[in-house]
Amino acid sequence: MIKYDKLLEYKNVAEARKHAAVQLEGKNYIVRDGDCITVLFNV
């Protein structure tokens, strides 16, 4: 999960990861306005 304003600041997710702006959250996380998320799942 990364906040939208941080994503705009760093231009891409890879750059945000370098600056530790990306957070790993569990399945009970409540998504809030301004969150950009990637959902990982296993088939």
N, C-alpha and C. Protein backbone atom coordinates (compact mmCIF):
# COMPACT_ATOMS: atom_id res chain seq x y z
N MET A 1 0.84 -1.16 0.00
CA MET A 1 0.00 0.00 0.00
C MET A 1 0.89 1.23 0.00
N ILE A 2 0.50 2.19 -0.78
CA ILE A 2 1.21 3.46 -0.84
C ILE A 2 0.17 4.57 -0.96
N LYS A 3 0.41 5.66 -0.31
CA LYS A 3 -0.49 6.80 -0.40
C LYS A 3 -0.34 7.45 -1.78
N TYR A 4 -1.44 7.94 -2.31
CA TYR A 4 -1.48 8.52 -3.65
C TYR A 4 -0.51 9.69 -3.78
N ASP A 5 -0.45 10.57 -2.79
CA ASP A 5 0.44 11.72 -2.89
C ASP A 5 1.91 11.32 -2.91
N LYS A 6 2.28 10.25 -2.19
CA LYS A 6 3.65 9.74 -2.22
C LYS A 6 3.96 9.12 -3.58
N LEU A 7 2.99 8.44 -4.17
CA LEU A 7 3.19 7.86 -5.49
C LEU A 7 3.45 8.95 -6.53
N LEU A 8 2.72 10.04 -6.44
CA LEU A 8 2.96 11.16 -7.35
C LEU A 8 4.34 11.78 -7.12
N GLU A 9 4.75 11.84 -5.87
CA GLU A 9 6.04 12.43 -5.52
C GLU A 9 7.21 11.61 -6.08
N TYR A 10 7.12 10.28 -5.97
CA TYR A 10 8.22 9.41 -6.40
C TYR A 10 8.09 8.92 -7.84
N LYS A 11 6.97 9.18 -8.49
CA LYS A 11 6.71 8.88 -9.91
C LYS A 11 6.42 7.42 -10.23
N ASN A 12 6.93 6.45 -9.44
CA ASN A 12 6.60 5.04 -9.66
C ASN A 12 6.83 4.24 -8.38
N VAL A 13 6.31 3.03 -8.35
CA VAL A 13 6.36 2.21 -7.14
C VAL A 13 7.79 1.78 -6.82
N ALA A 14 8.59 1.50 -7.82
CA ALA A 14 9.98 1.09 -7.58
C ALA A 14 10.76 2.18 -6.85
N GLU A 15 10.57 3.41 -7.25
CA GLU A 15 11.25 4.52 -6.60
C GLU A 15 10.71 4.73 -5.18
N ALA A 16 9.43 4.53 -4.99
CA ALA A 16 8.83 4.64 -3.66
C ALA A 16 9.37 3.57 -2.72
N ARG A 17 9.60 2.37 -3.26
CA ARG A 17 10.18 1.30 -2.43
C ARG A 17 11.59 1.66 -1.97
N LYS A 18 12.35 2.33 -2.83
CA LYS A 18 13.71 2.75 -2.45
C LYS A 18 13.69 3.70 -1.27
N HIS A 19 12.63 4.51 -1.18
CA HIS A 19 12.51 5.49 -0.11
C HIS A 19 11.62 4.99 1.04
N ALA A 20 11.32 3.72 1.05
CA ALA A 20 10.53 3.06 2.11
C ALA A 20 9.15 3.70 2.29
N ALA A 21 8.50 4.07 1.20
CA ALA A 21 7.16 4.65 1.27
C ALA A 21 6.07 3.61 1.05
N VAL A 22 6.45 2.39 0.70
CA VAL A 22 5.50 1.31 0.46
C VAL A 22 5.36 0.49 1.74
N GLN A 23 4.11 0.22 2.12
CA GLN A 23 3.84 -0.54 3.33
C GLN A 23 3.16 -1.86 2.98
N LEU A 24 3.51 -2.90 3.69
CA LEU A 24 2.86 -4.19 3.52
C LEU A 24 1.82 -4.33 4.62
N GLU A 25 0.58 -4.55 4.24
CA GLU A 25 -0.53 -4.65 5.18
C GLU A 25 -1.14 -6.05 5.10
N GLY A 26 -1.83 -6.43 6.15
CA GLY A 26 -2.49 -7.73 6.21
C GLY A 26 -3.87 -7.70 5.58
N LYS A 27 -4.54 -8.84 5.61
CA LYS A 27 -5.84 -8.95 4.96
C LYS A 27 -6.94 -8.20 5.71
N ASN A 28 -6.70 -7.80 6.93
CA ASN A 28 -7.70 -7.07 7.71
C ASN A 28 -7.57 -5.55 7.57
N TYR A 29 -6.69 -5.08 6.69
CA TYR A 29 -6.49 -3.64 6.50
C TYR A 29 -7.73 -3.00 5.90
N ILE A 30 -8.13 -1.88 6.45
CA ILE A 30 -9.27 -1.13 5.93
C ILE A 30 -8.72 -0.09 4.95
N VAL A 31 -9.12 -0.21 3.69
CA VAL A 31 -8.65 0.69 2.64
C VAL A 31 -9.29 2.06 2.83
N ARG A 32 -8.46 3.08 2.79
CA ARG A 32 -8.92 4.45 2.98
C ARG A 32 -8.75 5.25 1.70
N ASP A 33 -9.41 6.38 1.63
CA ASP A 33 -9.31 7.27 0.49
C ASP A 33 -7.86 7.71 0.32
N GLY A 34 -7.33 7.58 -0.89
CA GLY A 34 -5.96 7.98 -1.16
C GLY A 34 -4.97 6.83 -1.12
N ASP A 35 -5.43 5.61 -0.85
CA ASP A 35 -4.55 4.44 -0.84
C ASP A 35 -4.47 3.82 -2.23
N CYS A 36 -3.28 3.50 -2.68
CA CYS A 36 -3.08 2.72 -3.90
C CYS A 36 -2.62 1.35 -3.44
N ILE A 37 -3.36 0.33 -3.84
CA ILE A 37 -3.06 -1.01 -3.33
C ILE A 37 -2.81 -1.99 -4.47
N THR A 38 -2.05 -3.01 -4.16
CA THR A 38 -1.86 -4.16 -5.03
C THR A 38 -2.34 -5.38 -4.25
N VAL A 39 -3.27 -6.11 -4.81
CA VAL A 39 -3.82 -7.28 -4.13
C VAL A 39 -3.09 -8.51 -4.64
N LEU A 40 -2.46 -9.24 -3.73
CA LEU A 40 -1.78 -10.49 -4.08
C LEU A 40 -2.66 -11.65 -3.66
N PHE A 41 -2.76 -12.66 -4.52
CA PHE A 41 -3.56 -13.84 -4.18
C PHE A 41 -2.94 -15.07 -4.83
N ASN A 42 -3.32 -16.21 -4.34
CA ASN A 42 -2.81 -17.47 -4.81
C ASN A 42 -3.96 -18.30 -5.36
N VAL A 43 -3.81 -18.88 -6.54
CA VAL A 43 -4.87 -19.68 -7.15
C VAL A 43 -4.64 -21.14 -6.89
